[in-house]
C-alpha atoms as a PDB file:
ATOM      1  CA  MET A   1      68.900 -18.017  15.665  1.00  0.00           C
ATOM      2  CA  THR A   2      69.842 -18.502  12.034  1.00  0.00           C
ATOM      3  CA  THR A   3      73.033 -17.887  10.111  1.00  0.00           C
ATOM      4  CA  GLY A   4      71.419 -16.006   7.259  1.00  0.00           C
ATOM      5  CA  ASN A   5      70.502 -17.026   3.752  1.00  0.00           C
ATOM      6  CA  VAL A   6      72.402 -20.243   3.096  1.00  0.00           C
ATOM      7  CA  THR A   7      71.182 -21.950  -0.085  1.00  0.00           C
ATOM      8  CA  ALA A   8      72.110 -25.121  -1.935  1.00  0.00           C
ATOM      9  CA  ALA A   9      74.624 -24.919  -4.745  1.00  0.00           C
ATOM     10  CA  THR A  10      73.103 -24.120  -8.123  1.00  0.00           C
ATOM     11  CA  SER A  11      74.179 -23.644 -11.713  1.00  0.00           C
ATOM     12  CA  VAL A  12      72.703 -21.098 -14.096  1.00  0.00           C
ATOM     13  CA  THR A  13      72.933 -21.428 -17.868  1.00  0.00           C
ATOM     14  CA  LEU A  14      72.476 -18.322 -20.049  1.00  0.00           C
ATOM     15  CA  THR A  15      72.005 -18.650 -23.801  1.00  0.00           C
ATOM     16  CA  ALA A  16      72.558 -15.695 -26.151  1.00  0.00           C
ATOM     17  CA  SER A  17      72.379 -15.568 -29.952  1.00  0.00           C
ATOM     18  CA  TYR A  18      73.838 -13.072 -32.430  1.00  0.00           C
ATOM     19  CA  ALA A  19      71.177 -10.815 -33.881  1.00  0.00           C
ATOM     20  CA  ASN A  20      70.837 -10.372 -37.636  1.00  0.00           C
ATOM     21  CA  VAL A  21      73.569 -12.889 -38.430  1.00  0.00           C
ATOM     22  CA  SER A  22      72.415 -15.799 -40.520  1.00  0.00           C
ATOM     23  CA  GLY A  23      73.408 -19.179 -39.071  1.00  0.00           C
ATOM     24  CA  ALA A  24      75.038 -17.731 -35.980  1.00  0.00           C
ATOM     25  CA  ALA A  25      75.658 -20.300 -33.275  1.00  0.00           C
ATOM     26  CA  ALA A  26      74.228 -19.916 -29.804  1.00  0.00           C
ATOM     27  CA  LEU A  27      76.655 -18.956 -27.033  1.00  0.00           C
ATOM     28  CA  THR A  28      76.157 -20.758 -23.716  1.00  0.00           C
ATOM     29  CA  VAL A  29      77.639 -19.403 -20.484  1.00  0.00           C
ATOM     30  CA  THR A  30      77.476 -21.446 -17.293  1.00  0.00           C
ATOM     31  CA  VAL A  31      77.831 -19.776 -13.883  1.00  0.00           C
ATOM     32  CA  ASN A  32      78.480 -22.237 -11.032  1.00  0.00           C
ATOM     33  CA  ASN A  33      78.314 -21.293  -7.363  1.00  0.00           C
ATOM     34  CA  SER A  34      78.730 -24.841  -6.094  1.00  0.00           C
ATOM     35  CA  ASN A  35      81.464 -23.725  -3.642  1.00  0.00           C
ATOM     36  CA  PRO A  36      80.020 -20.798  -1.666  1.00  0.00           C
ATOM     37  CA  PRO A  37      82.028 -19.630   1.351  1.00  0.00           C
ATOM     38  CA  ASN A  38      81.329 -21.430   4.605  1.00  0.00           C
ATOM     39  CA  LEU A  39      79.269 -19.354   6.991  1.00  0.00           C
ATOM     40  CA  ILE A  40      79.693 -19.487  10.743  1.00  0.00           C
ATOM     41  CA  GLY A  41      77.029 -21.535  12.483  1.00  0.00           C
ATOM     42  CA  GLU A  42      76.016 -22.547  15.988  1.00  0.00           C
ATOM     43  CA  ASP A  43      76.680 -26.218  16.703  1.00  0.00           C
ATOM     44  CA  THR A  44      75.115 -26.023  20.169  1.00  0.00           C
ATOM     45  CA  THR A  45      74.233 -23.426  22.811  1.00  0.00           C
ATOM     46  CA  VAL A  46      73.819 -24.024  26.559  1.00  0.00           C
ATOM     47  CA  PHE A  47      73.350 -21.697  29.520  1.00  0.00           C
ATOM     48  CA  VAL A  48      73.020 -21.724  33.284  1.00  0.00           C
ATOM     49  CA  ASP A  49      71.772 -19.036  35.664  1.00  0.00           C
ATOM     50  CA  GLY A  50      72.951 -19.494  39.236  1.00  0.00           C
ATOM     51  CA  GLU A  51      75.021 -18.375  42.189  1.00  0.00           C
ATOM     52  CA  ASN A  52      78.763 -18.717  42.862  1.00  0.00           C
ATOM     53  CA  LYS A  53      80.135 -21.665  40.856  1.00  0.00           C
ATOM     54  CA  MET A  54      77.942 -22.390  37.820  1.00  0.00           C
ATOM     55  CA  THR A  55      78.031 -25.512  35.647  1.00  0.00           C
ATOM     56  CA  THR A  56      76.287 -25.742  32.283  1.00  0.00           C
ATOM     57  CA  PRO A  57      74.081 -28.670  31.306  1.00  0.00           C
ATOM     58  CA  SER A  58      75.977 -31.504  29.640  1.00  0.00           C
ATOM     59  CA  PHE A  59      76.386 -30.994  25.888  1.00  0.00           C
ATOM     60  CA  SER A  60      78.034 -32.555  22.838  1.00  0.00           C
ATOM     61  CA  THR A  61      79.252 -31.221  19.498  1.00  0.00           C
ATOM     62  CA  ALA A  62      78.523 -32.624  16.046  1.00  0.00           C
ATOM     63  CA  GLN A  63      81.901 -32.100  14.411  1.00  0.00           C
ATOM     64  CA  PRO A  64      85.571 -31.538  15.312  1.00  0.00           C
ATOM     65  CA  GLY A  65      87.189 -28.130  15.323  1.00  0.00           C
ATOM     66  CA  ASP A  66      84.390 -26.171  17.015  1.00  0.00           C
ATOM     67  CA  LEU A  67      85.265 -22.847  18.618  1.00  0.00           C
ATOM     68  CA  LEU A  68      83.832 -22.695  22.144  1.00  0.00           C
ATOM     69  CA  VAL A  69      83.031 -19.244  23.496  1.00  0.00           C
ATOM     70  CA  ALA A  70      81.860 -18.663  27.079  1.00  0.00           C
ATOM     71  CA  PHE A  71      79.936 -15.483  27.883  1.00  0.00           C
ATOM     72  CA  VAL A  72      79.850 -14.955  31.636  1.00  0.00           C
ATOM     73  CA  GLY A  73      78.458 -12.236  33.875  1.00  0.00           C
ATOM     74  CA  TYR A  74      78.563 -11.938  37.655  1.00  0.00           C
ATOM     75  CA  ASP A  75      77.181  -9.550  40.221  1.00  0.00           C
ATOM     76  CA  GLY A  76      79.782  -8.079  42.555  1.00  0.00           C
ATOM     77  CA  PRO A  77      80.511  -5.570  45.288  1.00  0.00           C
ATOM     78  CA  ILE A  78      80.265  -1.873  44.582  1.00  0.00           C
ATOM     79  CA  ASN A  79      83.752  -1.121  45.971  1.00  0.00           C
ATOM     80  CA  SER A  80      85.872  -3.974  44.576  1.00  0.00           C
ATOM     81  CA  PRO A  81      86.290  -5.291  40.996  1.00  0.00           C
ATOM     82  CA  GLN A  82      84.658  -8.656  40.331  1.00  0.00           C
ATOM     83  CA  THR A  83      86.302 -11.276  38.103  1.00  0.00           C
ATOM     84  CA  ALA A  84      85.520 -14.766  36.842  1.00  0.00           C
ATOM     85  CA  THR A  85      87.343 -17.881  35.711  1.00  0.00           C
ATOM     86  CA  VAL A  86      86.135 -20.481  33.181  1.00  0.00           C
ATOM     87  CA  SER A  87      87.134 -24.148  32.914  1.00  0.00           C
ATOM     88  CA  GLY A  88      85.798 -27.505  31.752  1.00  0.00           C
ATOM     89  CA  THR A  89      85.584 -29.772  28.662  1.00  0.00           C
ATOM     90  CA  GLY A  90      89.182 -30.861  29.289  1.00  0.00           C
ATOM     91  CA  LEU A  91      90.420 -27.885  27.224  1.00  0.00           C
ATOM     92  CA  PRO A  92      92.471 -24.825  28.186  1.00  0.00           C
ATOM     93  CA  TRP A  93      90.393 -21.637  28.340  1.00  0.00           C
ATOM     94  CA  THR A  94      91.704 -18.152  27.555  1.00  0.00           C
ATOM     95  CA  LEU A  95      90.249 -14.844  28.751  1.00  0.00           C
ATOM     96  CA  LEU A  96      89.619 -12.605  25.728  1.00  0.00           C
ATOM     97  CA  THR A  97      88.209  -9.515  27.401  1.00  0.00           C
ATOM     98  CA  ARG A  98      86.739  -8.347  30.693  1.00  0.00           C
ATOM     99  CA  SER A  99      84.604  -5.341  31.627  1.00  0.00           C
ATOM    100  CA  ASN A 100      84.433  -4.682  35.380  1.00  0.00           C
ATOM    101  CA  SER A 101      85.037  -0.987  35.973  1.00  0.00           C
ATOM    102  CA  GLN A 102      81.423  -0.777  37.164  1.00  0.00           C
ATOM    103  CA  ALA A 103      80.076  -3.151  39.821  1.00  0.00           C
ATOM    104  CA  GLY A 104      80.038  -6.772  38.621  1.00  0.00           C
ATOM    105  CA  THR A 105      81.770  -8.171  35.547  1.00  0.00           C
ATOM    106  CA  SER A 106      81.091  -9.194  31.944  1.00  0.00           C
ATOM    107  CA  GLU A 107      83.681 -11.523  30.404  1.00  0.00           C
ATOM    108  CA  ILE A 108      84.371 -13.576  27.265  1.00  0.00           C
ATOM    109  CA  TRP A 109      86.480 -16.754  27.360  1.00  0.00           C
ATOM    110  CA  VAL A 110      87.441 -19.044  24.467  1.00  0.00           C
ATOM    111  CA  ALA A 111      88.667 -22.606  23.834  1.00  0.00           C
ATOM    112  CA  GLN A 112      89.214 -24.623  20.646  1.00  0.00           C
ATOM    113  CA  ALA A 113      87.938 -28.218  20.480  1.00  0.00           C
ATOM    114  CA  PRO A 114      90.113 -30.221  18.042  1.00  0.00           C
ATOM    115  CA  GLU A 115      87.890 -33.292  18.434  1.00  0.00           C
ATOM    116  CA  VAL A 116      84.164 -33.925  18.733  1.00  0.00           C
ATOM    117  CA  LEU A 117      83.021 -33.361  22.324  1.00  0.00           C
ATOM    118  CA  SER A 118      80.615 -35.704  24.089  1.00  0.00           C
ATOM    119  CA  GLY A 119      78.841 -35.121  27.389  1.00  0.00           C
ATOM    120  CA  VAL A 120      81.006 -32.219  28.556  1.00  0.00           C
ATOM    121  CA  THR A 121      80.258 -29.227  30.794  1.00  0.00           C
ATOM    122  CA  VAL A 122      81.703 -25.741  31.250  1.00  0.00           C
ATOM    123  CA  ILE A 123      82.200 -24.184  34.693  1.00  0.00           C
ATOM    124  CA  SER A 124      82.510 -20.557  35.787  1.00  0.00           C
ATOM    125  CA  SER A 125      83.480 -19.263  39.230  1.00  0.00           C
ATOM    126  CA  PRO A 126      83.502 -15.701  40.618  1.00  0.00           C
ATOM    127  CA  GLY A 127      86.671 -14.237  42.064  1.00  0.00           C
ATOM    128  CA  ILE A 128      84.646 -12.799  44.935  1.00  0.00           C
ATOM    129  CA  GLY A 129      82.154 -15.411  46.121  1.00  0.00           C
ATOM    130  CA  GLY A 130      78.564 -15.056  47.247  1.00  0.00           C
ATOM    131  CA  TYR A 131      77.227 -13.478  44.056  1.00  0.00           C
ATOM    132  CA  PHE A 132      74.778 -14.485  41.345  1.00  0.00           C
ATOM    133  CA  GLY A 133      75.516 -14.707  37.641  1.00  0.00           C
ATOM    134  CA  SER A 134      74.779 -16.186  34.230  1.00  0.00           C
ATOM    135  CA  LEU A 135      76.902 -18.331  31.906  1.00  0.00           C
ATOM    136  CA  THR A 136      76.196 -18.975  28.216  1.00  0.00           C
ATOM    137  CA  VAL A 137      78.418 -21.214  26.094  1.00  0.00           C
ATOM    138  CA  ILE A 138      78.195 -21.424  22.289  1.00  0.00           C
ATOM    139  CA  ALA A 139      80.042 -23.923  20.096  1.00  0.00           C
ATOM    140  CA  PHE A 140      80.613 -22.337  16.667  1.00  0.00           C
ATOM    141  CA  THR A 141      81.164 -24.274  13.442  1.00  0.00           C
ATOM    142  CA  ASN A 142      83.212 -22.921  10.510  1.00  0.00           C
ATOM    143  CA  ALA A 143      85.002 -20.492  12.838  1.00  0.00           C
ATOM    144  CA  SER A 144      88.780 -20.118  12.620  1.00  0.00           C
ATOM    145  CA  GLY A 145      88.970 -18.172  15.863  1.00  0.00           C
ATOM    146  CA  THR A 146      88.237 -14.748  17.267  1.00  0.00           C
ATOM    147  CA  GLY A 147      89.131 -11.345  15.878  1.00  0.00           C
ATOM    148  CA  VAL A 148      88.580  -7.916  17.364  1.00  0.00           C
ATOM    149  CA  VAL A 149      87.415  -7.683  20.971  1.00  0.00           C
ATOM    150  CA  ASN A 150      86.277  -4.677  22.961  1.00  0.00           C
ATOM    151  CA  ALA A 151      84.902  -3.805  26.384  1.00  0.00           C
ATOM    152  CA  ALA A 152      82.911  -0.844  27.669  1.00  0.00           C
ATOM    153  CA  SER A 153      81.029   0.288  30.763  1.00  0.00           C
ATOM    154  CA  ALA A 154      79.224   3.315  32.136  1.00  0.00           C
ATOM    155  CA  ALA A 155      77.333   4.532  35.196  1.00  0.00           C
ATOM    156  CA  SER A 156      74.277   5.233  33.024  1.00  0.00           C
ATOM    157  CA  GLY A 157      73.114   5.442  29.424  1.00  0.00           C
ATOM    158  CA  ALA A 158      72.089   2.863  26.831  1.00  0.00           C
ATOM    159  CA  PRO A 159      74.445  -0.166  26.848  1.00  0.00           C
ATOM    160  CA  ASP A 160      76.801   0.171  23.882  1.00  0.00           C
ATOM    161  CA  VAL A 161      80.026  -1.533  22.755  1.00  0.00           C
ATOM    162  CA  VAL A 162      81.645  -1.249  19.310  1.00  0.00           C
ATOM    163  CA  ILE A 163      83.772  -3.737  17.369  1.00  0.00           C
ATOM    164  CA  PRO A 164      85.626  -1.162  15.247  1.00  0.00           C
ATOM    165  CA  GLY A 165      86.722  -3.302  12.300  1.00  0.00           C
ATOM    166  CA  ALA A 166      84.716  -6.493  11.871  1.00  0.00           C
ATOM    167  CA  SER A 167      85.413  -8.529   8.724  1.00  0.00           C
ATOM    168  CA  ALA A 168      82.816  -9.629   6.185  1.00  0.00           C
ATOM    169  CA  ASP A 169      81.247 -12.982   7.139  1.00  0.00           C
ATOM    170  CA  SER A 170      82.298 -12.613  10.793  1.00  0.00           C
ATOM    171  CA  TRP A 171      79.684 -12.673  13.577  1.00  0.00           C
ATOM    172  CA  VAL A 172      79.643 -10.341  16.573  1.00  0.00           C
ATOM    173  CA  PHE A 173      78.449 -11.400  20.036  1.00  0.00           C
ATOM    174  CA  ALA A 174      78.445  -9.523  23.331  1.00  0.00           C
ATOM    175  CA  VAL A 175      77.721 -10.134  27.004  1.00  0.00           C
ATOM    176  CA  GLY A 176      76.378  -7.551  29.422  1.00  0.00           C
ATOM    177  CA  HIS A 177      75.501  -7.002  33.074  1.00  0.00           C
ATOM    178  CA  ASP A 178      73.211  -4.385  34.638  1.00  0.00           C
ATOM    179  CA  TRP A 179      73.947  -3.976  38.375  1.00  0.00           C
ATOM    180  CA  ASP A 180      71.124  -1.529  39.103  1.00  0.00           C
ATOM    181  CA  ASN A 181      67.896  -3.151  37.919  1.00  0.00           C
ATOM    182  CA  ALA A 182      66.222  -6.358  36.779  1.00  0.00           C
ATOM    183  CA  ILE A 183      64.804  -5.096  33.493  1.00  0.00           C
ATOM    184  CA  ALA A 184      64.618  -6.480  29.953  1.00  0.00           C
ATOM    185  CA  ARG A 185      66.942  -5.228  27.244  1.00  0.00           C
ATOM    186  CA  VAL A 186      65.631  -3.722  23.997  1.00  0.00           C
ATOM    187  CA  PRO A 187      68.215  -4.401  21.245  1.00  0.00           C
ATOM    188  CA  VAL A 188      68.514  -2.143  18.218  1.00  0.00           C
ATOM    189  CA  SER A 189      67.155  -3.348  14.887  1.00  0.00           C
ATOM    190  CA  GLY A 190      69.138  -6.214  13.381  1.00  0.00           C
ATOM    191  CA  GLN A 191      70.297  -7.578  16.725  1.00  0.00           C
ATOM    192  CA  VAL A 192      68.842 -10.299  18.958  1.00  0.00           C
ATOM    193  CA  LEU A 193      69.041 -11.553  22.526  1.00  0.00           C
ATOM    194  CA  VAL A 194      70.650 -14.997  22.740  1.00  0.00           C
ATOM    195  CA  HIS A 195      69.920 -15.378  26.463  1.00  0.00           C
ATOM    196  CA  GLN A 196      68.755 -13.055  29.212  1.00  0.00           C
ATOM    197  CA  ARG A 197      68.461 -13.451  32.979  1.00  0.00           C
ATOM    198  CA  ILE A 198      66.243 -10.911  34.704  1.00  0.00           C
ATOM    199  CA  ASP A 199      67.098 -11.568  38.348  1.00  0.00           C
ATOM    200  CA  THR A 200      64.392  -9.952  40.469  1.00  0.00           C
ATOM    201  CA  GLN A 201      65.873 -11.478  43.638  1.00  0.00           C
ATOM    202  CA  THR A 202      69.027  -9.359  43.485  1.00  0.00           C
ATOM    203  CA  GLY A 203      67.847  -6.681  41.034  1.00  0.00           C
ATOM    204  CA  ASP A 204      70.355  -7.483  38.285  1.00  0.00           C
ATOM    205  CA  THR A 205      70.130  -8.311  34.583  1.00  0.00           C
ATOM    206  CA  TYR A 206      72.537 -10.494  32.594  1.00  0.00           C
ATOM    207  CA  TRP A 207      72.312 -10.919  28.839  1.00  0.00           C
ATOM    208  CA  VAL A 208      74.057 -12.178  25.707  1.00  0.00           C
ATOM    209  CA  GLN A 209      73.346 -10.290  22.485  1.00  0.00           C
ATOM    210  CA  ALA A 210      74.394 -10.730  18.857  1.00  0.00           C
ATOM    211  CA  THR A 211      73.888  -9.457  15.371  1.00  0.00           C
ATOM    212  CA  ALA A 212      71.058 -11.469  13.813  1.00  0.00           C
ATOM    213  CA  ALA A 213      73.438 -12.947  11.214  1.00  0.00           C
ATOM    214  CA  PRO A 214      77.100 -12.730  10.192  1.00  0.00           C
ATOM    215  CA  SER A 215      78.258  -9.422   8.710  1.00  0.00           C
ATOM    216  CA  ILE A 216      78.065  -9.037   4.941  1.00  0.00           C
ATOM    217  CA  VAL A 217      80.621  -6.229   4.617  1.00  0.00           C
ATOM    218  CA  ASN A 218      83.765  -5.054   6.374  1.00  0.00           C
ATOM    219  CA  GLY A 219      83.228  -2.339   8.940  1.00  0.00           C
ATOM    220  CA  PRO A 220      82.357  -1.466  12.532  1.00  0.00           C
ATOM    221  CA  VAL A 221      79.607  -3.318  14.408  1.00  0.00           C
ATOM    222  CA  ASP A 222      77.863  -1.456  17.233  1.00  0.00           C
ATOM    223  CA  THR A 223      76.189  -3.799  19.727  1.00  0.00           C
ATOM    224  CA  HIS A 224      73.631  -1.511  21.279  1.00  0.00           C
ATOM    225  CA  ASP A 225      70.387  -1.408  23.272  1.00  0.00           C
ATOM    226  CA  THR A 226      67.825   1.371  23.130  1.00  0.00           C
ATOM    227  CA  SER A 227      66.764   0.805  26.744  1.00  0.00           C
ATOM    228  CA  PRO A 228      67.154   0.934  29.660  1.00  0.00           C
ATOM    229  CA  THR A 229      69.160   4.160  29.702  1.00  0.00           C
ATOM    230  CA  ASN A 230      69.464   5.050  33.396  1.00  0.00           C
ATOM    231  CA  ASP A 231      71.356   2.032  34.788  1.00  0.00           C
ATOM    232  CA  ARG A 232      75.053   1.271  35.219  1.00  0.00           C
ATOM    233  CA  TRP A 233      76.327  -1.491  32.927  1.00  0.00           C
ATOM    234  CA  THR A 234      79.345  -3.544  31.834  1.00  0.00           C
ATOM    235  CA  TYR A 235      79.656  -4.879  28.288  1.00  0.00           C
ATOM    236  CA  ALA A 236      82.174  -7.055  26.399  1.00  0.00           C
ATOM    237  CA  ALA A 237      82.059  -7.973  22.701  1.00  0.00           C
ATOM    238  CA  VAL A 238      83.917 -10.298  20.336  1.00  0.00           C
ATOM    239  CA  GLU A 239      84.172 -10.926  16.598  1.00  0.00           C
ATOM    240  CA  ILE A 240      83.879 -14.601  15.613  1.00  0.00           C
ATOM    241  CA  VAL A 241      85.943 -15.061  12.436  1.00  0.00           C
ATOM    242  CA  ALA A 242      84.913 -17.405   9.590  1.00  0.00           C
ATOM    243  CA  THR A 243      87.291 -20.180   8.475  1.00  0.00           C
ATOM    244  CA  HIS A 244      87.713 -18.899   4.905  1.00  0.00           C
ATOM    245  CA  GLN A 245      89.072 -15.504   5.960  1.00  0.00           C
END
């Protein structure tokens, strides 16, 4: 996944002369974009698909100040709400949003790493044991924190969750769980799958989805799939905010 069109700093010189004026001097204007705004990037991404307690592969970060975001989904019983907890890296983790009104849960957790991390792991555990799940962790660079969050769920229909007021240069990510079927997602145009687990053993699907690049304007962002449309689903989304905002 890329962060969009990030180019090296350049300078442009425009030269204009006065028409029909004898001996007029040339006028030179220099436009310098040597300090473009920092765009959010992905320092590293890890994931684990498993059962009960899940631990990511060991990972490190390249610079201090990364924002760590954990996207976790678990299967669960039909008659009792499932939950999850996230820990690891030696940092405190905070639950941002949870969607579990349908069977299973989709959750987003966050931690800030003030220093460079080396050889750390992230762990998730289900509140009700004996269920499968998927955990994806992304370390974001040039991110000051998180903004708007939202959660949604339904017994059927195309998975859909809206961040109502995303800021320009922010990046929207979402995590989803389909309790009914193991079937691939089809994102709408301009959005991509970061990770997807199609679990044919239990008949569930877990996925993390994002806009293909940070937003370029202020406004709502609708994280949406065109199919499947007949399954129950849980969905949670978050806005990752750029440092210069």
